[in-house]
Amino acid sequence: MAFYLIARTTCRILGNDRYRRLVGSCYRADGAEVAAWMVRHGHALDWPQYSQGVYAAEEAAAKSNRAGVWRGTFVPPWQWRKPSRR
């Protein structure tokens, strides 16, 4: 007997960023927001410059639980990319 998990993801396009890339929010079949799940589990970071801190609570939980990237140390991408680091 085989079991298959069939998931449906729905995305809502909100607009474009300054590079004309699509920006949107995606939701799992159960209604959970994919970005929030990723941040909560340490697979993504909240970037307040763009999110206005929408995922701050999820990031705090990931940090507290040492989930994903929070198991070790790292430099956030926006700091690593600063010209002063090169």
PDB file of N, CA and C in Angstrom:
ATOM      1  N   MET A   1       0.853  -1.166   0.000  1.00  0.00           N
ATOM      2  CA  MET A   1       0.000   0.000   0.000  1.00  0.00           C
ATOM      3  C   MET A   1       0.903   1.235   0.000  1.00  0.00           C
ATOM      4  N   ALA A   2       0.592   2.188  -0.836  1.00  0.00           N
ATOM      5  CA  ALA A   2       1.382   3.419  -0.924  1.00  0.00           C
ATOM      6  C   ALA A   2       0.539   4.603  -0.463  1.00  0.00           C
ATOM      7  N   PHE A   3       1.207   5.540   0.178  1.00  0.00           N
ATOM      8  CA  PHE A   3       0.543   6.766   0.611  1.00  0.00           C
ATOM      9  C   PHE A   3       1.203   7.930  -0.101  1.00  0.00           C
ATOM     10  N   TYR A   4       0.409   8.843  -0.543  1.00  0.00           N
ATOM     11  CA  TYR A   4       0.919  10.025  -1.227  1.00  0.00           C
ATOM     12  C   TYR A   4       0.418  11.267  -0.510  1.00  0.00           C
ATOM     13  N   LEU A   5       1.321  12.162  -0.279  1.00  0.00           N
ATOM     14  CA  LEU A   5       0.937  13.436   0.304  1.00  0.00           C
ATOM     15  C   LEU A   5       0.788  14.423  -0.849  1.00  0.00           C
ATOM     16  N   ILE A   6      -0.381  14.915  -1.010  1.00  0.00           N
ATOM     17  CA  ILE A   6      -0.632  15.891  -2.071  1.00  0.00           C
ATOM     18  C   ILE A   6      -0.918  17.218  -1.390  1.00  0.00           C
ATOM     19  N   ALA A   7      -0.040  18.151  -1.612  1.00  0.00           N
ATOM     20  CA  ALA A   7      -0.179  19.460  -0.973  1.00  0.00           C
ATOM     21  C   ALA A   7      -0.482  20.508  -2.025  1.00  0.00           C
ATOM     22  N   ARG A   8      -1.280  21.456  -1.642  1.00  0.00           N
ATOM     23  CA  ARG A   8      -1.617  22.553  -2.536  1.00  0.00           C
ATOM     24  C   ARG A   8      -1.108  23.838  -1.911  1.00  0.00           C
ATOM     25  N   THR A   9      -0.353  24.573  -2.666  1.00  0.00           N
ATOM     26  CA  THR A   9       0.155  25.859  -2.216  1.00  0.00           C
ATOM     27  C   THR A   9      -0.483  26.937  -3.069  1.00  0.00           C
ATOM     28  N   THR A  10      -0.945  27.975  -2.416  1.00  0.00           N
ATOM     29  CA  THR A  10      -1.560  29.102  -3.107  1.00  0.00           C
ATOM     30  C   THR A  10      -0.721  30.344  -2.849  1.00  0.00           C
ATOM     31  N   CYS A  11      -0.431  31.077  -3.893  1.00  0.00           N
ATOM     32  CA  CYS A  11       0.351  32.301  -3.739  1.00  0.00           C
ATOM     33  C   CYS A  11      -0.450  33.499  -4.225  1.00  0.00           C
ATOM     34  N   ARG A  12      -0.304  34.591  -3.500  1.00  0.00           N
ATOM     35  CA  ARG A  12      -0.954  35.843  -3.872  1.00  0.00           C
ATOM     36  C   ARG A  12       0.151  36.845  -4.191  1.00  0.00           C
ATOM     37  N   ILE A  13       0.151  37.338  -5.411  1.00  0.00           N
ATOM     38  CA  ILE A  13       1.157  38.312  -5.829  1.00  0.00           C
ATOM     39  C   ILE A  13       0.748  39.685  -5.298  1.00  0.00           C
ATOM     40  N   LEU A  14       1.701  40.338  -4.619  1.00  0.00           N
ATOM     41  CA  LEU A  14       1.430  41.647  -4.016  1.00  0.00           C
ATOM     42  C   LEU A  14       1.962  42.798  -4.860  1.00  0.00           C
ATOM     43  N   GLY A  15       2.913  42.505  -5.739  1.00  0.00           N
ATOM     44  CA  GLY A  15       3.492  43.556  -6.574  1.00  0.00           C
ATOM     45  C   GLY A  15       4.882  43.162  -7.025  1.00  0.00           C
ATOM     46  N   ASN A  16       5.687  44.169  -7.307  1.00  0.00           N
ATOM     47  CA  ASN A  16       7.056  43.959  -7.750  1.00  0.00           C
ATOM     48  C   ASN A  16       8.006  44.735  -6.849  1.00  0.00           C
ATOM     49  N   ASP A  17       9.235  44.226  -6.725  1.00  0.00           N
ATOM     50  CA  ASP A  17      10.242  44.961  -5.978  1.00  0.00           C
ATOM     51  C   ASP A  17      10.976  45.913  -6.928  1.00  0.00           C
ATOM     52  N   ARG A  18      12.002  46.569  -6.421  1.00  0.00           N
ATOM     53  CA  ARG A  18      12.690  47.563  -7.239  1.00  0.00           C
ATOM     54  C   ARG A  18      13.423  46.957  -8.434  1.00  0.00           C
ATOM     55  N   TYR A  19      13.632  45.637  -8.409  1.00  0.00           N
ATOM     56  CA  TYR A  19      14.266  44.952  -9.534  1.00  0.00           C
ATOM     57  C   TYR A  19      13.232  44.315 -10.456  1.00  0.00           C
ATOM     58  N   ARG A  20      11.976  44.647 -10.228  1.00  0.00           N
ATOM     59  CA  ARG A  20      10.824  44.167 -11.006  1.00  0.00           C
ATOM     60  C   ARG A  20      10.573  42.669 -10.840  1.00  0.00           C
ATOM     61  N   ARG A  21      11.044  42.115  -9.695  1.00  0.00           N
ATOM     62  CA  ARG A  21      10.729  40.720  -9.371  1.00  0.00           C
ATOM     63  C   ARG A  21       9.375  40.688  -8.672  1.00  0.00           C
ATOM     64  N   LEU A  22       8.649  39.598  -8.860  1.00  0.00           N
ATOM     65  CA  LEU A  22       7.361  39.451  -8.200  1.00  0.00           C
ATOM     66  C   LEU A  22       7.553  39.276  -6.699  1.00  0.00           C
ATOM     67  N   VAL A  23       6.687  39.905  -5.926  1.00  0.00           N
ATOM     68  CA  VAL A  23       6.680  39.779  -4.474  1.00  0.00           C
ATOM     69  C   VAL A  23       5.290  39.296  -4.082  1.00  0.00           C
ATOM     70  N   GLY A  24       5.230  38.296  -3.225  1.00  0.00           N
ATOM     71  CA  GLY A  24       3.922  37.781  -2.836  1.00  0.00           C
ATOM     72  C   GLY A  24       3.994  36.976  -1.561  1.00  0.00           C
ATOM     73  N   SER A  25       2.861  36.430  -1.177  1.00  0.00           N
ATOM     74  CA  SER A  25       2.743  35.567  -0.009  1.00  0.00           C
ATOM     75  C   SER A  25       2.186  34.234  -0.468  1.00  0.00           C
ATOM     76  N   CYS A  26       2.770  33.152   0.040  1.00  0.00           N
ATOM     77  CA  CYS A  26       2.304  31.818  -0.315  1.00  0.00           C
ATOM     78  C   CYS A  26       1.760  31.123   0.933  1.00  0.00           C
ATOM     79  N   TYR A  27       0.738  30.322   0.736  1.00  0.00           N
ATOM     80  CA  TYR A  27       0.054  29.640   1.835  1.00  0.00           C
ATOM     81  C   TYR A  27      -0.064  28.158   1.533  1.00  0.00           C
ATOM     82  N   ARG A  28       0.142  27.333   2.577  1.00  0.00           N
ATOM     83  CA  ARG A  28      -0.028  25.894   2.445  1.00  0.00           C
ATOM     84  C   ARG A  28      -1.511  25.564   2.376  1.00  0.00           C
ATOM     85  N   ALA A  29      -1.812  24.322   2.082  1.00  0.00           N
ATOM     86  CA  ALA A  29      -3.199  23.870   1.998  1.00  0.00           C
ATOM     87  C   ALA A  29      -3.953  24.079   3.300  1.00  0.00           C
ATOM     88  N   ASP A  30      -3.235  24.025   4.439  1.00  0.00           N
ATOM     89  CA  ASP A  30      -3.896  24.208   5.733  1.00  0.00           C
ATOM     90  C   ASP A  30      -4.027  25.686   6.118  1.00  0.00           C
ATOM     91  N   GLY A  31      -3.597  26.596   5.233  1.00  0.00           N
ATOM     92  CA  GLY A  31      -3.738  28.030   5.478  1.00  0.00           C
ATOM     93  C   GLY A  31      -2.528  28.689   6.114  1.00  0.00           C
ATOM     94  N   ALA A  32      -1.537  27.896   6.528  1.00  0.00           N
ATOM     95  CA  ALA A  32      -0.341  28.462   7.156  1.00  0.00           C
ATOM     96  C   ALA A  32       0.513  29.174   6.103  1.00  0.00           C
ATOM     97  N   GLU A  33       1.066  30.318   6.486  1.00  0.00           N
ATOM     98  CA  GLU A  33       1.908  31.071   5.561  1.00  0.00           C
ATOM     99  C   GLU A  33       3.288  30.413   5.484  1.00  0.00           C
ATOM    100  N   VAL A  34       3.753  30.163   4.277  1.00  0.00           N
ATOM    101  CA  VAL A  34       5.026  29.472   4.061  1.00  0.00           C
ATOM    102  C   VAL A  34       6.189  30.261   4.660  1.00  0.00           C
ATOM    103  N   ALA A  35       6.248  31.564   4.452  1.00  0.00           N
ATOM    104  CA  ALA A  35       7.354  32.380   4.967  1.00  0.00           C
ATOM    105  C   ALA A  35       7.419  32.321   6.490  1.00  0.00           C
ATOM    106  N   ALA A  36       6.284  32.415   7.154  1.00  0.00           N
ATOM    107  CA  ALA A  36       6.251  32.359   8.618  1.00  0.00           C
ATOM    108  C   ALA A  36       6.760  31.008   9.106  1.00  0.00           C
ATOM    109  N   TRP A  37       6.346  29.941   8.434  1.00  0.00           N
ATOM    110  CA  TRP A  37       6.807  28.596   8.800  1.00  0.00           C
ATOM    111  C   TRP A  37       8.314  28.500   8.648  1.00  0.00           C
ATOM    112  N   MET A  38       8.847  29.014   7.533  1.00  0.00           N
ATOM    113  CA  MET A  38      10.288  28.935   7.283  1.00  0.00           C
ATOM    114  C   MET A  38      11.080  29.691   8.348  1.00  0.00           C
ATOM    115  N   VAL A  39      10.621  30.889   8.711  1.00  0.00           N
ATOM    116  CA  VAL A  39      11.321  31.675   9.738  1.00  0.00           C
ATOM    117  C   VAL A  39      11.222  30.977  11.085  1.00  0.00           C
ATOM    118  N   ARG A  40      10.036  30.485  11.443  1.00  0.00           N
ATOM    119  CA  ARG A  40       9.820  29.821  12.732  1.00  0.00           C
ATOM    120  C   ARG A  40      10.707  28.587  12.898  1.00  0.00           C
ATOM    121  N   HIS A  41      11.030  27.924  11.795  1.00  0.00           N
ATOM    122  CA  HIS A  41      11.848  26.712  11.856  1.00  0.00           C
ATOM    123  C   HIS A  41      13.323  26.977  11.549  1.00  0.00           C
ATOM    124  N   GLY A  42      13.705  28.245  11.443  1.00  0.00           N
ATOM    125  CA  GLY A  42      15.107  28.596  11.263  1.00  0.00           C
ATOM    126  C   GLY A  42      15.638  28.389   9.865  1.00  0.00           C
ATOM    127  N   HIS A  43      14.755  28.322   8.876  1.00  0.00           N
ATOM    128  CA  HIS A  43      15.179  28.137   7.488  1.00  0.00           C
ATOM    129  C   HIS A  43      15.222  29.455   6.722  1.00  0.00           C
ATOM    130  N   ALA A  44      14.806  30.531   7.354  1.00  0.00           N
ATOM    131  CA  ALA A  44      14.807  31.867   6.745  1.00  0.00           C
ATOM    132  C   ALA A  44      14.882  32.889   7.876  1.00  0.00           C
ATOM    133  N   LEU A  45      15.243  34.116   7.533  1.00  0.00           N
ATOM    134  CA  LEU A  45      15.335  35.198   8.508  1.00  0.00           C
ATOM    135  C   LEU A  45      14.286  36.259   8.212  1.00  0.00           C
ATOM    136  N   ASP A  46      13.860  36.947   9.252  1.00  0.00           N
ATOM    137  CA  ASP A  46      12.996  38.114   9.080  1.00  0.00           C
ATOM    138  C   ASP A  46      13.905  39.275   8.684  1.00  0.00           C
ATOM    139  N   TRP A  47      13.633  39.916   7.571  1.00  0.00           N
ATOM    140  CA  TRP A  47      14.424  41.070   7.130  1.00  0.00           C
ATOM    141  C   TRP A  47      13.556  42.301   7.332  1.00  0.00           C
ATOM    142  N   PRO A  48      13.667  42.941   8.492  1.00  0.00           N
ATOM    143  CA  PRO A  48      12.770  44.043   8.861  1.00  0.00           C
ATOM    144  C   PRO A  48      12.724  45.195   7.848  1.00  0.00           C
ATOM    145  N   GLN A  49      13.809  45.399   7.116  1.00  0.00           N
ATOM    146  CA  GLN A  49      13.816  46.469   6.109  1.00  0.00           C
ATOM    147  C   GLN A  49      12.674  46.282   5.112  1.00  0.00           C
ATOM    148  N   TYR A  50      12.344  45.033   4.819  1.00  0.00           N
ATOM    149  CA  TYR A  50      11.281  44.757   3.853  1.00  0.00           C
ATOM    150  C   TYR A  50      10.002  44.257   4.501  1.00  0.00           C
ATOM    151  N   SER A  51      10.114  43.540   5.615  1.00  0.00           N
ATOM    152  CA  SER A  51       8.927  42.940   6.237  1.00  0.00           C
ATOM    153  C   SER A  51       8.299  43.822   7.301  1.00  0.00           C
ATOM    154  N   GLN A  52       8.982  44.887   7.705  1.00  0.00           N
ATOM    155  CA  GLN A  52       8.548  45.725   8.819  1.00  0.00           C
ATOM    156  C   GLN A  52       8.368  44.901  10.098  1.00  0.00           C
ATOM    157  N   GLY A  53       9.151  43.818  10.212  1.00  0.00           N
ATOM    158  CA  GLY A  53       9.134  43.006  11.428  1.00  0.00           C
ATOM    159  C   GLY A  53       7.965  42.052  11.557  1.00  0.00           C
ATOM    160  N   VAL A  54       7.277  41.778  10.458  1.00  0.00           N
ATOM    161  CA  VAL A  54       6.112  40.886  10.495  1.00  0.00           C
ATOM    162  C   VAL A  54       6.464  39.515  11.075  1.00  0.00           C
ATOM    163  N   TYR A  55       7.690  39.048  10.828  1.00  0.00           N
ATOM    164  CA  TYR A  55       8.086  37.719  11.274  1.00  0.00           C
ATOM    165  C   TYR A  55       8.998  37.749  12.503  1.00  0.00           C
ATOM    166  N   ALA A  56       9.024  38.860  13.213  1.00  0.00           N
ATOM    167  CA  ALA A  56       9.906  39.007  14.385  1.00  0.00           C
ATOM    168  C   ALA A  56       9.603  37.958  15.457  1.00  0.00           C
ATOM    169  N   ALA A  57       8.352  37.680  15.717  1.00  0.00           N
ATOM    170  CA  ALA A  57       7.990  36.689  16.743  1.00  0.00           C
ATOM    171  C   ALA A  57       8.429  35.289  16.325  1.00  0.00           C
ATOM    172  N   GLU A  58       8.266  34.965  15.040  1.00  0.00           N
ATOM    173  CA  GLU A  58       8.695  33.663  14.546  1.00  0.00           C
ATOM    174  C   GLU A  58      10.212  33.528  14.654  1.00  0.00           C
ATOM    175  N   GLU A  59      10.936  34.614  14.340  1.00  0.00           N
ATOM    176  CA  GLU A  59      12.388  34.567  14.430  1.00  0.00           C
ATOM    177  C   GLU A  59      12.838  34.430  15.885  1.00  0.00           C
ATOM    178  N   ALA A  60      12.181  35.128  16.778  1.00  0.00           N
ATOM    179  CA  ALA A  60      12.523  35.028  18.203  1.00  0.00           C
ATOM    180  C   ALA A  60      12.308  33.596  18.703  1.00  0.00           C
ATOM    181  N   ALA A  61      11.242  32.954  18.254  1.00  0.00           N
ATOM    182  CA  ALA A  61      10.975  31.569  18.653  1.00  0.00           C
ATOM    183  C   ALA A  61      12.049  30.638  18.101  1.00  0.00           C
ATOM    184  N   ALA A  62      12.439  30.834  16.836  1.00  0.00           N
ATOM    185  CA  ALA A  62      13.485  30.000  16.234  1.00  0.00           C
ATOM    186  C   ALA A  62      14.802  30.178  16.973  1.00  0.00           C
ATOM    187  N   LYS A  63      15.121  31.432  17.297  1.00  0.00           N
ATOM    188  CA  LYS A  63      16.362  31.738  18.012  1.00  0.00           C
ATOM    189  C   LYS A  63      16.344  31.068  19.391  1.00  0.00           C
ATOM    190  N   SER A  64      15.232  31.195  20.090  1.00  0.00           N
ATOM    191  CA  SER A  64      15.078  30.625  21.426  1.00  0.00           C
ATOM    192  C   SER A  64      15.199  29.098  21.401  1.00  0.00           C
ATOM    193  N   ASN A  65      14.665  28.490  20.345  1.00  0.00           N
ATOM    194  CA  ASN A  65      14.695  27.023  20.220  1.00  0.00           C
ATOM    195  C   ASN A  65      15.952  26.511  19.512  1.00  0.00           C
ATOM    196  N   ARG A  66      16.825  27.438  19.127  1.00  0.00           N
ATOM    197  CA  ARG A  66      18.043  27.097  18.380  1.00  0.00           C
ATOM    198  C   ARG A  66      17.708  26.232  17.174  1.00  0.00           C
ATOM    199  N   ALA A  67      16.697  26.647  16.433  1.00  0.00           N
ATOM    200  CA  ALA A  67      16.233  25.919  15.252  1.00  0.00           C
ATOM    201  C   ALA A  67      16.990  26.365  14.005  1.00  0.00           C
ATOM    202  N   GLY A  68      17.224  25.424  13.110  1.00  0.00           N
ATOM    203  CA  GLY A  68      17.833  25.734  11.816  1.00  0.00           C
ATOM    204  C   GLY A  68      19.145  26.482  11.943  1.00  0.00           C
ATOM    205  N   VAL A  69      19.234  27.626  11.268  1.00  0.00           N
ATOM    206  CA  VAL A  69      20.482  28.405  11.256  1.00  0.00           C
ATOM    207  C   VAL A  69      20.878  28.886  12.644  1.00  0.00           C
ATOM    208  N   TRP A  70      19.927  28.929  13.564  1.00  0.00           N
ATOM    209  CA  TRP A  70      20.215  29.421  14.918  1.00  0.00           C
ATOM    210  C   TRP A  70      20.959  28.397  15.768  1.00  0.00           C
ATOM    211  N   ARG A  71      21.265  27.231  15.216  1.00  0.00           N
ATOM    212  CA  ARG A  71      22.078  26.235  15.943  1.00  0.00           C
ATOM    213  C   ARG A  71      23.535  26.673  16.018  1.00  0.00           C
ATOM    214  N   GLY A  72      23.928  27.515  15.088  1.00  0.00           N
ATOM    215  CA  GLY A  72      25.319  27.960  15.051  1.00  0.00           C
ATOM    216  C   GLY A  72      25.391  29.470  15.014  1.00  0.00           C
ATOM    217  N   THR A  73      26.485  29.975  14.499  1.00  0.00           N
ATOM    218  CA  THR A  73      26.651  31.416  14.353  1.00  0.00           C
ATOM    219  C   THR A  73      26.787  31.739  12.874  1.00  0.00           C
ATOM    220  N   PHE A  74      26.375  32.927  12.506  1.00  0.00           N
ATOM    221  CA  PHE A  74      26.435  33.354  11.112  1.00  0.00           C
ATOM    222  C   PHE A  74      26.292  34.862  11.058  1.00  0.00           C
ATOM    223  N   VAL A  75      26.607  35.412   9.918  1.00  0.00           N
ATOM    224  CA  VAL A  75      26.418  36.839   9.666  1.00  0.00           C
ATOM    225  C   VAL A  75      25.188  36.956   8.777  1.00  0.00           C
ATOM    226  N   PRO A  76      24.187  37.744   9.173  1.00  0.00           N
ATOM    227  CA  PRO A  76      23.003  37.893   8.319  1.00  0.00           C
ATOM    228  C   PRO A  76      23.413  38.395   6.929  1.00  0.00           C
ATOM    229  N   PRO A  77      22.767  37.913   5.890  1.00  0.00           N
ATOM    230  CA  PRO A  77      23.147  38.265   4.514  1.00  0.00           C
ATOM    231  C   PRO A  77      23.243  39.766   4.264  1.00  0.00           C
ATOM    232  N   TRP A  78      22.326  40.563   4.823  1.00  0.00           N
ATOM    233  CA  TRP A  78      22.348  41.999   4.560  1.00  0.00           C
ATOM    234  C   TRP A  78      23.558  42.671   5.203  1.00  0.00           C
ATOM    235  N   GLN A  79      24.090  42.079   6.262  1.00  0.00           N
ATOM    236  CA  GLN A  79      25.321  42.614   6.855  1.00  0.00           C
ATOM    237  C   GLN A  79      26.548  42.132   6.079  1.00  0.00           C
ATOM    238  N   TRP A  80      26.527  40.884   5.641  1.00  0.00           N
ATOM    239  CA  TRP A  80      27.643  40.324   4.892  1.00  0.00           C
ATOM    240  C   TRP A  80      27.840  41.072   3.577  1.00  0.00           C
ATOM    241  N   ARG A  81      26.728  41.507   2.974  1.00  0.00           N
ATOM    242  CA  ARG A  81      26.803  42.193   1.681  1.00  0.00           C
ATOM    243  C   ARG A  81      27.261  43.642   1.772  1.00  0.00           C
ATOM    244  N   LYS A  82      27.327  44.202   2.972  1.00  0.00           N
ATOM    245  CA  LYS A  82      27.731  45.609   3.120  1.00  0.00           C
ATOM    246  C   LYS A  82      29.108  45.812   2.493  1.00  0.00           C
ATOM    247  N   PRO A  83      29.285  46.910   1.751  1.00  0.00           N
ATOM    248  CA  PRO A  83      30.567  47.168   1.099  1.00  0.00           C
ATOM    249  C   PRO A  83      31.747  47.204   2.076  1.00  0.00           C
ATOM    250  N   SER A  84      31.522  47.596   3.313  1.00  0.00           N
ATOM    251  CA  SER A  84      32.614  47.694   4.285  1.00  0.00           C
ATOM    252  C   SER A  84      33.203  46.319   4.623  1.00  0.00           C
ATOM    253  N   ARG A  85      32.468  45.240   4.346  1.00  0.00           N
ATOM    254  CA  ARG A  85      32.958  43.885   4.645  1.00  0.00           C
ATOM    255  C   ARG A  85      33.876  43.352   3.561  1.00  0.00           C
ATOM    256  N   ARG A  86      33.883  43.972   2.402  1.00  0.00           N
ATOM    257  CA  ARG A  86      34.660  43.430   1.274  1.00  0.00           C
ATOM    258  C   ARG A  86      36.039  43.978   1.205  1.00  0.00           C
TER     259      ARG A  86
END
